[in-house]
PDB file of N, CA and C in Angstrom:
ATOM      1  N   MET A   1      93.182 144.554 106.193  1.00  0.00           N
ATOM      2  CA  MET A   1      94.460 144.992 105.655  1.00  0.00           C
ATOM      3  C   MET A   1      94.312 145.418 104.193  1.00  0.00           C
ATOM      4  N   LEU A   2      93.586 144.627 103.422  1.00  0.00           N
ATOM      5  CA  LEU A   2      93.446 144.953 102.006  1.00  0.00           C
ATOM      6  C   LEU A   2      92.778 146.308 101.808  1.00  0.00           C
ATOM      7  N   HIS A   3      91.775 146.607 102.613  1.00  0.00           N
ATOM      8  CA  HIS A   3      91.055 147.866 102.456  1.00  0.00           C
ATOM      9  C   HIS A   3      91.766 149.016 103.153  1.00  0.00           C
ATOM     10  N   ASP A   4      92.014 148.868 104.452  1.00  0.00           N
ATOM     11  CA  ASP A   4      92.547 149.977 105.231  1.00  0.00           C
ATOM     12  C   ASP A   4      94.026 150.237 104.979  1.00  0.00           C
ATOM     13  N   ALA A   5      94.816 149.186 104.825  1.00  0.00           N
ATOM     14  CA  ALA A   5      96.257 149.378 104.648  1.00  0.00           C
ATOM     15  C   ALA A   5      96.662 149.473 103.178  1.00  0.00           C
ATOM     16  N   GLU A   6      96.036 148.652 102.345  1.00  0.00           N
ATOM     17  CA  GLU A   6      96.422 148.619 100.929  1.00  0.00           C
ATOM     18  C   GLU A   6      95.600 149.558 100.054  1.00  0.00           C
ATOM     19  N   GLY A   7      94.474 150.041 100.560  1.00  0.00           N
ATOM     20  CA  GLY A   7      93.677 151.009  99.826  1.00  0.00           C
ATOM     21  C   GLY A   7      92.741 150.432  98.779  1.00  0.00           C
ATOM     22  N   LEU A   8      92.499 149.123  98.824  1.00  0.00           N
ATOM     23  CA  LEU A   8      91.584 148.523  97.856  1.00  0.00           C
ATOM     24  C   LEU A   8      90.142 148.875  98.214  1.00  0.00           C
ATOM     25  N   THR A   9      89.274 148.923  97.212  1.00  0.00           N
ATOM     26  CA  THR A   9      87.858 149.155  97.470  1.00  0.00           C
ATOM     27  C   THR A   9      87.265 147.887  98.075  1.00  0.00           C
ATOM     28  N   MET A  10      86.112 148.020  98.698  1.00  0.00           N
ATOM     29  CA  MET A  10      85.476 146.843  99.275  1.00  0.00           C
ATOM     30  C   MET A  10      85.034 145.868  98.188  1.00  0.00           C
ATOM     31  N   THR A  11      84.703 146.372  97.024  1.00  0.00           N
ATOM     32  CA  THR A  11      84.363 145.479  95.905  1.00  0.00           C
ATOM     33  C   THR A  11      85.579 144.645  95.527  1.00  0.00           C
ATOM     34  N   GLU A  12      86.741 145.281  95.453  1.00  0.00           N
ATOM     35  CA  GLU A  12      87.973 144.546  95.140  1.00  0.00           C
ATOM     36  C   GLU A  12      88.288 143.512  96.224  1.00  0.00           C
ATOM     37  N   VAL A  13      88.095 143.900  97.471  1.00  0.00           N
ATOM     38  CA  VAL A  13      88.347 142.981  98.584  1.00  0.00           C
ATOM     39  C   VAL A  13      87.420 141.774  98.487  1.00  0.00           C
ATOM     40  N   SER A  14      86.153 142.008  98.172  1.00  0.00           N
ATOM     41  CA  SER A  14      85.210 140.887  98.091  1.00  0.00           C
ATOM     42  C   SER A  14      85.583 139.939  96.955  1.00  0.00           C
ATOM     43  N   LEU A  15      86.065 140.480  95.855  1.00  0.00           N
ATOM     44  CA  LEU A  15      86.475 139.628  94.738  1.00  0.00           C
ATOM     45  C   LEU A  15      87.727 138.821  95.081  1.00  0.00           C
ATOM     46  N   ILE A  16      88.704 139.470  95.705  1.00  0.00           N
ATOM     47  CA  ILE A  16      89.949 138.786  96.065  1.00  0.00           C
ATOM     48  C   ILE A  16      89.705 137.690  97.092  1.00  0.00           C
ATOM     49  N   THR A  17      88.863 137.971  98.067  1.00  0.00           N
ATOM     50  CA  THR A  17      88.615 136.999  99.138  1.00  0.00           C
ATOM     51  C   THR A  17      87.497 136.023  98.800  1.00  0.00           C
ATOM     52  N   ASP A  18      86.870 136.209  97.651  1.00  0.00           N
ATOM     53  CA  ASP A  18      85.813 135.321  97.162  1.00  0.00           C
ATOM     54  C   ASP A  18      84.641 135.219  98.135  1.00  0.00           C
ATOM     55  N   VAL A  19      84.197 136.398  98.616  1.00  0.00           N
ATOM     56  CA  VAL A  19      83.000 136.480  99.446  1.00  0.00           C
ATOM     57  C   VAL A  19      82.122 137.587  98.872  1.00  0.00           C
ATOM     58  N   THR A  20      80.872 137.611  99.279  1.00  0.00           N
ATOM     59  CA  THR A  20      79.979 138.661  98.805  1.00  0.00           C
ATOM     60  C   THR A  20      80.415 140.006  99.384  1.00  0.00           C
ATOM     61  N   LEU A  21      79.973 141.076  98.767  1.00  0.00           N
ATOM     62  CA  LEU A  21      80.297 142.411  99.250  1.00  0.00           C
ATOM     63  C   LEU A  21      79.790 142.631 100.673  1.00  0.00           C
ATOM     64  N   PRO A  22      78.540 142.263 100.996  1.00  0.00           N
ATOM     65  CA  PRO A  22      78.097 142.421 102.389  1.00  0.00           C
ATOM     66  C   PRO A  22      78.961 141.633 103.376  1.00  0.00           C
ATOM     67  N   ALA A  23      79.379 140.429 102.991  1.00  0.00           N
ATOM     68  CA  ALA A  23      80.232 139.625 103.881  1.00  0.00           C
ATOM     69  C   ALA A  23      81.586 140.300 104.081  1.00  0.00           C
ATOM     70  N   ALA A  24      82.125 140.864 103.021  1.00  0.00           N
ATOM     71  CA  ALA A  24      83.410 141.560 103.134  1.00  0.00           C
ATOM     72  C   ALA A  24      83.287 142.772 104.049  1.00  0.00           C
ATOM     73  N   LYS A  25      82.194 143.508 103.924  1.00  0.00           N
ATOM     74  CA  LYS A  25      81.984 144.676 104.787  1.00  0.00           C
ATOM     75  C   LYS A  25      81.827 144.257 106.240  1.00  0.00           C
ATOM     76  N   GLN A  26      81.111 143.162 106.484  1.00  0.00           N
ATOM     77  CA  GLN A  26      80.939 142.667 107.846  1.00  0.00           C
ATOM     78  C   GLN A  26      82.284 142.255 108.434  1.00  0.00           C
ATOM     79  N   ARG A  27      83.102 141.598 107.646  1.00  0.00           N
ATOM     80  CA  ARG A  27      84.424 141.195 108.125  1.00  0.00           C
ATOM     81  C   ARG A  27      85.287 142.414 108.444  1.00  0.00           C
ATOM     82  N   LEU A  28      85.169 143.460 107.635  1.00  0.00           N
ATOM     83  CA  LEU A  28      85.914 144.693 107.911  1.00  0.00           C
ATOM     84  C   LEU A  28      85.457 145.291 109.241  1.00  0.00           C
ATOM     85  N   ARG A  29      84.148 145.365 109.459  1.00  0.00           N
ATOM     86  CA  ARG A  29      83.637 145.907 110.724  1.00  0.00           C
ATOM     87  C   ARG A  29      84.130 145.089 111.911  1.00  0.00           C
ATOM     88  N   ARG A  30      84.049 143.772 111.799  1.00  0.00           N
ATOM     89  CA  ARG A  30      84.501 142.915 112.893  1.00  0.00           C
ATOM     90  C   ARG A  30      85.996 143.064 113.133  1.00  0.00           C
ATOM     91  N   GLY A  31      86.747 143.126 112.070  1.00  0.00           N
ATOM     92  CA  GLY A  31      88.193 143.297 112.203  1.00  0.00           C
ATOM     93  C   GLY A  31      88.549 144.608 112.877  1.00  0.00           C
ATOM     94  N   ARG A  32      87.870 145.661 112.504  1.00  0.00           N
ATOM     95  CA  ARG A  32      88.123 146.954 113.136  1.00  0.00           C
ATOM     96  C   ARG A  32      87.759 146.924 114.611  1.00  0.00           C
ATOM     97  N   MET A  33      86.624 146.303 114.944  1.00  0.00           N
ATOM     98  CA  MET A  33      86.222 146.209 116.349  1.00  0.00           C
ATOM     99  C   MET A  33      87.247 145.421 117.152  1.00  0.00           C
ATOM    100  N   LEU A  34      87.720 144.326 116.592  1.00  0.00           N
ATOM    101  CA  LEU A  34      88.720 143.523 117.272  1.00  0.00           C
ATOM    102  C   LEU A  34      90.010 144.307 117.454  1.00  0.00           C
ATOM    103  N   LEU A  35      90.414 145.041 116.430  1.00  0.00           N
ATOM    104  CA  LEU A  35      91.634 145.843 116.512  1.00  0.00           C
ATOM    105  C   LEU A  35      91.522 146.894 117.604  1.00  0.00           C
ATOM    106  N   VAL A  36      90.382 147.571 117.681  1.00  0.00           N
ATOM    107  CA  VAL A  36      90.178 148.575 118.729  1.00  0.00           C
ATOM    108  C   VAL A  36      90.294 147.923 120.102  1.00  0.00           C
ATOM    109  N   SER A  37      89.704 146.748 120.261  1.00  0.00           N
ATOM    110  CA  SER A  37      89.755 146.053 121.547  1.00  0.00           C
ATOM    111  C   SER A  37      91.177 145.645 121.904  1.00  0.00           C
ATOM    112  N   VAL A  38      91.905 145.098 120.940  1.00  0.00           N
ATOM    113  CA  VAL A  38      93.278 144.661 121.194  1.00  0.00           C
ATOM    114  C   VAL A  38      94.169 145.856 121.531  1.00  0.00           C
ATOM    115  N   LEU A  39      94.033 146.928 120.777  1.00  0.00           N
ATOM    116  CA  LEU A  39      94.844 148.118 121.057  1.00  0.00           C
ATOM    117  C   LEU A  39      94.510 148.707 122.420  1.00  0.00           C
ATOM    118  N   ALA A  40      93.238 148.696 122.783  1.00  0.00           N
ATOM    119  CA  ALA A  40      92.852 149.201 124.101  1.00  0.00           C
ATOM    120  C   ALA A  40      93.467 148.338 125.195  1.00  0.00           C
ATOM    121  N   ASP A  41      93.479 147.021 124.998  1.00  0.00           N
ATOM    122  CA  ASP A  41      94.088 146.131 125.984  1.00  0.00           C
ATOM    123  C   ASP A  41      95.583 146.398 126.119  1.00  0.00           C
ATOM    124  N   GLU A  42      96.256 146.588 124.986  1.00  0.00           N
ATOM    125  CA  GLU A  42      97.697 146.828 125.020  1.00  0.00           C
ATOM    126  C   GLU A  42      98.031 148.159 125.687  1.00  0.00           C
ATOM    127  N   ARG A  43      97.192 149.165 125.471  1.00  0.00           N
ATOM    128  CA  ARG A  43      97.426 150.475 126.086  1.00  0.00           C
ATOM    129  C   ARG A  43      96.992 150.477 127.539  1.00  0.00           C
ATOM    130  N   GLY A  44      96.215 149.457 127.904  1.00  0.00           N
ATOM    131  CA  GLY A  44      95.714 149.401 129.271  1.00  0.00           C
ATOM    132  C   GLY A  44      94.408 150.149 129.450  1.00  0.00           C
ATOM    133  N   ASP A  45      93.794 150.627 128.359  1.00  0.00           N
ATOM    134  CA  ASP A  45      92.556 151.388 128.463  1.00  0.00           C
ATOM    135  C   ASP A  45      91.444 150.569 129.101  1.00  0.00           C
ATOM    136  N   SER A  46      91.393 149.278 128.793  1.00  0.00           N
ATOM    137  CA  SER A  46      90.273 148.480 129.274  1.00  0.00           C
ATOM    138  C   SER A  46      90.380 148.179 130.761  1.00  0.00           C
ATOM    139  N   SER A  47      91.547 148.382 131.360  1.00  0.00           N
ATOM    140  CA  SER A  47      91.694 148.061 132.771  1.00  0.00           C
ATOM    141  C   SER A  47      91.569 149.283 133.670  1.00  0.00           C
ATOM    142  N   THR A  48      91.352 150.453 133.105  1.00  0.00           N
ATOM    143  CA  THR A  48      91.283 151.663 133.917  1.00  0.00           C
ATOM    144  C   THR A  48      89.836 152.047 134.162  1.00  0.00           C
ATOM    145  N   GLY A  49      89.170 151.271 134.999  1.00  0.00           N
ATOM    146  CA  GLY A  49      87.809 151.597 135.390  1.00  0.00           C
ATOM    147  C   GLY A  49      86.738 151.150 134.415  1.00  0.00           C
ATOM    148  N   VAL A  50      87.092 150.473 133.356  1.00  0.00           N
ATOM    149  CA  VAL A  50      86.109 149.982 132.396  1.00  0.00           C
ATOM    150  C   VAL A  50      85.944 148.486 132.655  1.00  0.00           C
ATOM    151  N   PRO A  51      84.764 148.070 133.150  1.00  0.00           N
ATOM    152  CA  PRO A  51      84.591 146.695 133.628  1.00  0.00           C
ATOM    153  C   PRO A  51      84.372 145.643 132.558  1.00  0.00           C
ATOM    154  N   MET A  52      84.361 146.012 131.304  1.00  0.00           N
ATOM    155  CA  MET A  52      84.028 145.067 130.245  1.00  0.00           C
ATOM    156  C   MET A  52      84.887 145.395 129.031  1.00  0.00           C
ATOM    157  N   ARG A  53      85.370 144.365 128.352  1.00  0.00           N
ATOM    158  CA  ARG A  53      86.140 144.593 127.127  1.00  0.00           C
ATOM    159  C   ARG A  53      85.230 145.183 126.046  1.00  0.00           C
ATOM    160  N   CYS A  54      85.791 146.001 125.183  1.00  0.00           N
ATOM    161  CA  CYS A  54      85.009 146.632 124.111  1.00  0.00           C
ATOM    162  C   CYS A  54      84.276 145.587 123.274  1.00  0.00           C
ATOM    163  N   TRP A  55      84.953 144.524 122.930  1.00  0.00           N
ATOM    164  CA  TRP A  55      84.346 143.489 122.097  1.00  0.00           C
ATOM    165  C   TRP A  55      83.086 142.940 122.761  1.00  0.00           C
ATOM    166  N   ASP A  56      83.182 142.649 124.069  1.00  0.00           N
ATOM    167  CA  ASP A  56      82.033 142.113 124.802  1.00  0.00           C
ATOM    168  C   ASP A  56      80.920 143.156 124.914  1.00  0.00           C
ATOM    169  N   ALA A  57      81.304 144.395 125.153  1.00  0.00           N
ATOM    170  CA  ALA A  57      80.307 145.466 125.258  1.00  0.00           C
ATOM    171  C   ALA A  57      79.565 145.629 123.935  1.00  0.00           C
ATOM    172  N   ARG A  58      80.269 145.615 122.854  1.00  0.00           N
ATOM    173  CA  ARG A  58      79.642 145.830 121.544  1.00  0.00           C
ATOM    174  C   ARG A  58      78.726 144.677 121.170  1.00  0.00           C
ATOM    175  N   ARG A  59      79.044 143.487 121.641  1.00  0.00           N
ATOM    176  CA  ARG A  59      78.163 142.345 121.389  1.00  0.00           C
ATOM    177  C   ARG A  59      76.846 142.473 122.151  1.00  0.00           C
ATOM    178  N   ARG A  60      76.843 143.235 123.238  1.00  0.00           N
ATOM    179  CA  ARG A  60      75.650 143.353 124.077  1.00  0.00           C
ATOM    180  C   ARG A  60      74.817 144.608 123.802  1.00  0.00           C
ATOM    181  N   VAL A  61      75.327 145.515 122.998  1.00  0.00           N
ATOM    182  CA  VAL A  61      74.637 146.790 122.779  1.00  0.00           C
ATOM    183  C   VAL A  61      73.245 146.592 122.191  1.00  0.00           C
ATOM    184  N   SER A  62      73.092 145.708 121.229  1.00  0.00           N
ATOM    185  CA  SER A  62      71.782 145.503 120.608  1.00  0.00           C
ATOM    186  C   SER A  62      70.777 144.985 121.626  1.00  0.00           C
ATOM    187  N   ASP A  63      71.191 144.016 122.451  1.00  0.00           N
ATOM    188  CA  ASP A  63      70.303 143.506 123.496  1.00  0.00           C
ATOM    189  C   ASP A  63      69.971 144.607 124.501  1.00  0.00           C
ATOM    190  N   TYR A  64      70.933 145.449 124.794  1.00  0.00           N
ATOM    191  CA  TYR A  64      70.717 146.567 125.718  1.00  0.00           C
ATOM    192  C   TYR A  64      69.650 147.514 125.175  1.00  0.00           C
ATOM    193  N   ILE A  65      69.763 147.857 123.906  1.00  0.00           N
ATOM    194  CA  ILE A  65      68.794 148.754 123.277  1.00  0.00           C
ATOM    195  C   ILE A  65      67.400 148.134 123.307  1.00  0.00           C
ATOM    196  N   ASP A  66      67.325 146.818 123.101  1.00  0.00           N
ATOM    197  CA  ASP A  66      66.043 146.107 123.086  1.00  0.00           C
ATOM    198  C   ASP A  66      65.568 145.721 124.483  1.00  0.00           C
ATOM    199  N   GLU A  67      66.323 146.099 125.511  1.00  0.00           N
ATOM    200  CA  GLU A  67      66.006 145.770 126.904  1.00  0.00           C
ATOM    201  C   GLU A  67      65.873 144.266 127.109  1.00  0.00           C
ATOM    202  N   ASP A  68      66.753 143.516 126.454  1.00  0.00           N
ATOM    203  CA  ASP A  68      66.777 142.059 126.564  1.00  0.00           C
ATOM    204  C   ASP A  68      68.149 141.634 127.087  1.00  0.00           C
ATOM    205  N   ILE A  69      68.480 142.124 128.296  1.00  0.00           N
ATOM    206  CA  ILE A  69      69.801 141.904 128.866  1.00  0.00           C
ATOM    207  C   ILE A  69      69.637 141.764 130.381  1.00  0.00           C
ATOM    208  N   SER A  70      70.461 140.937 130.988  1.00  0.00           N
ATOM    209  CA  SER A  70      70.369 140.750 132.439  1.00  0.00           C
ATOM    210  C   SER A  70      70.729 142.046 133.163  1.00  0.00           C
ATOM    211  N   GLU A  71      70.264 142.188 134.375  1.00  0.00           N
ATOM    212  CA  GLU A  71      70.571 143.386 135.167  1.00  0.00           C
ATOM    213  C   GLU A  71      72.078 143.525 135.363  1.00  0.00           C
ATOM    214  N   ARG A  72      72.762 142.399 135.595  1.00  0.00           N
ATOM    215  CA  ARG A  72      74.213 142.422 135.788  1.00  0.00           C
ATOM    216  C   ARG A  72      74.911 142.964 134.551  1.00  0.00           C
ATOM    217  N   ASP A  73      74.566 142.396 133.377  1.00  0.00           N
ATOM    218  CA  ASP A  73      75.200 142.849 132.139  1.00  0.00           C
ATOM    219  C   ASP A  73      74.823 144.289 131.810  1.00  0.00           C
ATOM    220  N   ARG A  74      73.587 144.681 132.130  1.00  0.00           N
ATOM    221  CA  ARG A  74      73.148 146.060 131.909  1.00  0.00           C
ATOM    222  C   ARG A  74      74.056 147.008 132.704  1.00  0.00           C
ATOM    223  N   GLY A  75      74.268 146.682 133.973  1.00  0.00           N
ATOM    224  CA  GLY A  75      75.109 147.524 134.817  1.00  0.00           C
ATOM    225  C   GLY A  75      76.539 147.589 134.307  1.00  0.00           C
ATOM    226  N   LEU A  76      77.094 146.440 133.933  1.00  0.00           N
ATOM    227  CA  LEU A  76      78.468 146.413 133.418  1.00  0.00           C
ATOM    228  C   LEU A  76      78.587 147.211 132.118  1.00  0.00           C
ATOM    229  N   LEU A  77      77.597 147.049 131.244  1.00  0.00           N
ATOM    230  CA  LEU A  77      77.630 147.777 129.975  1.00  0.00           C
ATOM    231  C   LEU A  77      77.521 149.283 130.203  1.00  0.00           C
ATOM    232  N   GLU A  78      76.647 149.692 131.102  1.00  0.00           N
ATOM    233  CA  GLU A  78      76.511 151.126 131.383  1.00  0.00           C
ATOM    234  C   GLU A  78      77.803 151.691 131.954  1.00  0.00           C
ATOM    235  N   LEU A  79      78.466 150.936 132.828  1.00  0.00           N
ATOM    236  CA  LEU A  79      79.765 151.376 133.350  1.00  0.00           C
ATOM    237  C   LEU A  79      80.802 151.465 132.237  1.00  0.00           C
ATOM    238  N   HIS A  80      80.753 150.474 131.339  1.00  0.00           N
ATOM    239  CA  HIS A  80      81.692 150.477 130.208  1.00  0.00           C
ATOM    240  C   HIS A  80      81.472 151.712 129.335  1.00  0.00           C
ATOM    241  N   LEU A  81      80.221 151.965 128.974  1.00  0.00           N
ATOM    242  CA  LEU A  81      79.924 153.113 128.110  1.00  0.00           C
ATOM    243  C   LEU A  81      80.299 154.434 128.781  1.00  0.00           C
ATOM    244  N   ALA A  82      80.209 154.478 130.094  1.00  0.00           N
ATOM    245  CA  ALA A  82      80.558 155.708 130.813  1.00  0.00           C
ATOM    246  C   ALA A  82      82.067 155.951 130.838  1.00  0.00           C
ATOM    247  N   GLY A  83      82.872 154.867 130.723  1.00  0.00           N
ATOM    248  CA  GLY A  83      84.313 155.040 130.845  1.00  0.00           C
ATOM    249  C   GLY A  83      85.135 154.742 129.617  1.00  0.00           C
ATOM    250  N   CYS A  84      84.529 154.192 128.582  1.00  0.00           N
ATOM    251  CA  CYS A  84      85.280 153.803 127.379  1.00  0.00           C
ATOM    252  C   CYS A  84      85.417 154.981 126.418  1.00  0.00           C
ATOM    253  N   PRO A  85      86.618 155.199 125.889  1.00  0.00           N
ATOM    254  CA  PRO A  85      86.794 156.311 124.953  1.00  0.00           C
ATOM    255  C   PRO A  85      86.292 156.025 123.535  1.00  0.00           C
ATOM    256  N   THR A  86      86.032 154.752 123.203  1.00  0.00           N
ATOM    257  CA  THR A  86      85.688 154.433 121.816  1.00  0.00           C
ATOM    258  C   THR A  86      84.275 153.920 121.594  1.00  0.00           C
ATOM    259  N   CYS A  87      83.633 153.301 122.575  1.00  0.00           N
ATOM    260  CA  CYS A  87      82.330 152.669 122.360  1.00  0.00           C
ATOM    261  C   CYS A  87      81.121 153.609 122.347  1.00  0.00           C
ATOM    262  N   PRO A  88      81.113 154.715 123.107  1.00  0.00           N
ATOM    263  CA  PRO A  88      79.915 155.565 123.092  1.00  0.00           C
ATOM    264  C   PRO A  88      79.468 156.052 121.714  1.00  0.00           C
ATOM    265  N   PRO A  89      80.379 156.412 120.792  1.00  0.00           N
ATOM    266  CA  PRO A  89      79.883 156.818 119.465  1.00  0.00           C
ATOM    267  C   PRO A  89      79.140 155.696 118.739  1.00  0.00           C
ATOM    268  N   LEU A  90      79.593 154.462 118.912  1.00  0.00           N
ATOM    269  CA  LEU A  90      78.899 153.328 118.295  1.00  0.00           C
ATOM    270  C   LEU A  90      77.492 153.216 118.862  1.00  0.00           C
ATOM    271  N   TYR A  91      77.380 153.285 120.183  1.00  0.00           N
ATOM    272  CA  TYR A  91      76.078 153.199 120.841  1.00  0.00           C
ATOM    273  C   TYR A  91      75.173 154.331 120.363  1.00  0.00           C
ATOM    274  N   SER A  92      75.685 155.546 120.341  1.00  0.00           N
ATOM    275  CA  SER A  92      74.893 156.704 119.901  1.00  0.00           C
ATOM    276  C   SER A  92      74.415 156.529 118.469  1.00  0.00           C
ATOM    277  N   GLY A  93      75.301 156.009 117.611  1.00  0.00           N
ATOM    278  CA  GLY A  93      74.924 155.780 116.220  1.00  0.00           C
ATOM    279  C   GLY A  93      73.802 154.771 116.092  1.00  0.00           C
ATOM    280  N   LEU A  94      73.875 153.684 116.861  1.00  0.00           N
ATOM    281  CA  LEU A  94      72.828 152.670 116.808  1.00  0.00           C
ATOM    282  C   LEU A  94      71.502 153.220 117.314  1.00  0.00           C
ATOM    283  N   VAL A  95      71.557 153.979 118.400  1.00  0.00           N
ATOM    284  CA  VAL A  95      70.334 154.572 118.936  1.00  0.00           C
ATOM    285  C   VAL A  95      69.737 155.543 117.922  1.00  0.00           C
ATOM    286  N   GLY A  96      70.591 156.335 117.274  1.00  0.00           N
ATOM    287  CA  GLY A  96      70.111 157.284 116.273  1.00  0.00           C
ATOM    288  C   GLY A  96      69.436 156.595 115.100  1.00  0.00           C
ATOM    289  N   VAL A  97      70.023 155.509 114.630  1.00  0.00           N
ATOM    290  CA  VAL A  97      69.438 154.754 113.516  1.00  0.00           C
ATOM    291  C   VAL A  97      68.107 154.156 113.944  1.00  0.00           C
ATOM    292  N   ARG A  98      68.063 153.593 115.138  1.00  0.00           N
ATOM    293  CA  ARG A  98      66.818 152.989 115.628  1.00  0.00           C
ATOM    294  C   ARG A  98      65.721 154.036 115.742  1.00  0.00           C
ATOM    295  N   GLU A  99      66.065 155.213 116.259  1.00  0.00           N
ATOM    296  CA  GLU A  99      65.061 156.275 116.388  1.00  0.00           C
ATOM    297  C   GLU A  99      64.586 156.749 115.024  1.00  0.00           C
ATOM    298  N   ALA A 100      65.506 156.866 114.071  1.00  0.00           N
ATOM    299  CA  ALA A 100      65.125 157.300 112.724  1.00  0.00           C
ATOM    300  C   ALA A 100      64.196 156.282 112.073  1.00  0.00           C
ATOM    301  N   LEU A 101      64.501 154.994 112.243  1.00  0.00           N
ATOM    302  CA  LEU A 101      63.630 153.957 111.681  1.00  0.00           C
ATOM    303  C   LEU A 101      62.278 153.950 112.381  1.00  0.00           C
ATOM    304  N   GLY A 102      62.278 154.216 113.683  1.00  0.00           N
ATOM    305  CA  GLY A 102      61.030 154.244 114.432  1.00  0.00           C
ATOM    306  C   GLY A 102      60.096 155.360 113.995  1.00  0.00           C
ATOM    307  N   ARG A 103      60.660 156.438 113.458  1.00  0.00           N
ATOM    308  CA  ARG A 103      59.826 157.548 112.983  1.00  0.00           C
ATOM    309  C   ARG A 103      59.159 157.237 111.653  1.00  0.00           C
ATOM    310  N   MET A 104      59.617 156.193 110.991  1.00  0.00           N
ATOM    311  CA  MET A 104      58.996 155.791 109.726  1.00  0.00           C
ATOM    312  C   MET A 104      57.768 154.956 110.067  1.00  0.00           C
ATOM    313  N   ARG A 105      56.611 155.542 109.904  1.00  0.00           N
ATOM    314  CA  ARG A 105      55.388 154.882 110.353  1.00  0.00           C
ATOM    315  C   ARG A 105      54.844 153.883 109.342  1.00  0.00           C
ATOM    316  N   ASP A 106      55.011 154.139 108.094  1.00  0.00           N
ATOM    317  CA  ASP A 106      54.449 153.284 107.058  1.00  0.00           C
ATOM    318  C   ASP A 106      55.485 152.238 106.651  1.00  0.00           C
ATOM    319  N   PRO A 107      55.220 150.942 106.909  1.00  0.00           N
ATOM    320  CA  PRO A 107      56.192 149.909 106.549  1.00  0.00           C
ATOM    321  C   PRO A 107      56.569 149.932 105.073  1.00  0.00           C
ATOM    322  N   GLU A 108      55.679 150.419 104.223  1.00  0.00           N
ATOM    323  CA  GLU A 108      56.003 150.481 102.798  1.00  0.00           C
ATOM    324  C   GLU A 108      57.109 151.495 102.520  1.00  0.00           C
ATOM    325  N   ASP A 109      57.266 152.488 103.399  1.00  0.00           N
ATOM    326  CA  ASP A 109      58.309 153.493 103.219  1.00  0.00           C
ATOM    327  C   ASP A 109      59.669 153.045 103.738  1.00  0.00           C
ATOM    328  N   VAL A 110      59.699 152.003 104.545  1.00  0.00           N
ATOM    329  CA  VAL A 110      60.945 151.562 105.146  1.00  0.00           C
ATOM    330  C   VAL A 110      61.851 150.924 104.100  1.00  0.00           C
ATOM    331  N   VAL A 111      61.285 150.083 103.238  1.00  0.00           N
ATOM    332  CA  VAL A 111      62.062 149.393 102.210  1.00  0.00           C
ATOM    333  C   VAL A 111      61.696 149.981 100.851  1.00  0.00           C
ATOM    334  N   PRO A 112      62.676 150.540 100.130  1.00  0.00           N
ATOM    335  CA  PRO A 112      62.380 151.093  98.808  1.00  0.00           C
ATOM    336  C   PRO A 112      61.775 150.032  97.883  1.00  0.00           C
ATOM    337  N   ASP A 113      60.914 150.473  96.975  1.00  0.00           N
ATOM    338  CA  ASP A 113      60.195 149.557  96.093  1.00  0.00           C
ATOM    339  C   ASP A 113      61.124 148.603  95.344  1.00  0.00           C
ATOM    340  N   GLY A 114      62.223 149.113  94.815  1.00  0.00           N
ATOM    341  CA  GLY A 114      63.151 148.264  94.059  1.00  0.00           C
ATOM    342  C   GLY A 114      63.757 147.172  94.917  1.00  0.00           C
ATOM    343  N   VAL A 115      64.129 147.509  96.133  1.00  0.00           N
ATOM    344  CA  VAL A 115      64.701 146.528  97.053  1.00  0.00           C
ATOM    345  C   VAL A 115      63.639 145.499  97.435  1.00  0.00           C
ATOM    346  N   ALA A 116      62.430 145.968  97.737  1.00  0.00           N
ATOM    347  CA  ALA A 116      61.343 145.054  98.095  1.00  0.00           C
ATOM    348  C   ALA A 116      61.064 144.078  96.957  1.00  0.00           C
ATOM    349  N   ALA A 117      61.079 144.548  95.737  1.00  0.00           N
ATOM    350  CA  ALA A 117      60.827 143.677  94.581  1.00  0.00           C
ATOM    351  C   ALA A 117      61.920 142.617  94.450  1.00  0.00           C
ATOM    352  N   ARG A 118      63.180 143.012  94.649  1.00  0.00           N
ATOM    353  CA  ARG A 118      64.285 142.040  94.571  1.00  0.00           C
ATOM    354  C   ARG A 118      64.180 141.000  95.678  1.00  0.00           C
ATOM    355  N   ILE A 119      63.765 141.430  96.853  1.00  0.00           N
ATOM    356  CA  ILE A 119      63.609 140.483  97.974  1.00  0.00           C
ATOM    357  C   ILE A 119      62.499 139.496  97.664  1.00  0.00           C
ATOM    358  N   ARG A 120      61.341 140.011  97.175  1.00  0.00           N
ATOM    359  CA  ARG A 120      60.243 139.110  96.837  1.00  0.00           C
ATOM    360  C   ARG A 120      60.656 138.119  95.741  1.00  0.00           C
ATOM    361  N   GLU A 121      61.397 138.594  94.773  1.00  0.00           N
ATOM    362  CA  GLU A 121      61.848 137.726  93.687  1.00  0.00           C
ATOM    363  C   GLU A 121      62.774 136.636  94.219  1.00  0.00           C
ATOM    364  N   ALA A 122      63.679 137.009  95.108  1.00  0.00           N
ATOM    365  CA  ALA A 122      64.622 136.032  95.667  1.00  0.00           C
ATOM    366  C   ALA A 122      63.932 134.983  96.532  1.00  0.00           C
ATOM    367  N   LEU A 123      62.798 135.342  97.117  1.00  0.00           N
ATOM    368  CA  LEU A 123      62.080 134.424  98.002  1.00  0.00           C
ATOM    369  C   LEU A 123      61.146 133.481  97.258  1.00  0.00           C
ATOM    370  N   ARG A 124      60.926 133.730  95.991  1.00  0.00           N
ATOM    371  CA  ARG A 124      60.040 132.849  95.221  1.00  0.00           C
ATOM    372  C   ARG A 124      60.702 131.501  95.015  1.00  0.00           C
ATOM    373  N   PRO A 125      59.908 130.411  95.135  1.00  0.00           N
ATOM    374  CA  PRO A 125      60.470 129.047  94.955  1.00  0.00           C
ATOM    375  C   PRO A 125      60.880 128.752  93.532  1.00  0.00           C
TER     376      PRO A 125
END
């Protein structure tokens, strides 16, 4: 609400809610996903040939991409993606990011030097 309805920046939201910026962004993503699922349920979208709620489908997408999902859930998720008006772009985006990262062959190129240095510094005892 603070970001989408009130127009505050995510930095402002993180300060008001007293959480880190990454945590605030994660909460925004989760809230949006939940809202999409609730609105789909109210409109009846999830009951018209889509065998899985959006929230449940989105929780399984990562396992699906990694081929770490039961055959039953794989089938249900594929049916969901074939009939859901909102989830396929999320799936496509995740696949695109994974493919782009996979094309980066040198692990040193994956994490920028400045970020790697901050991570190493944070991990020091």
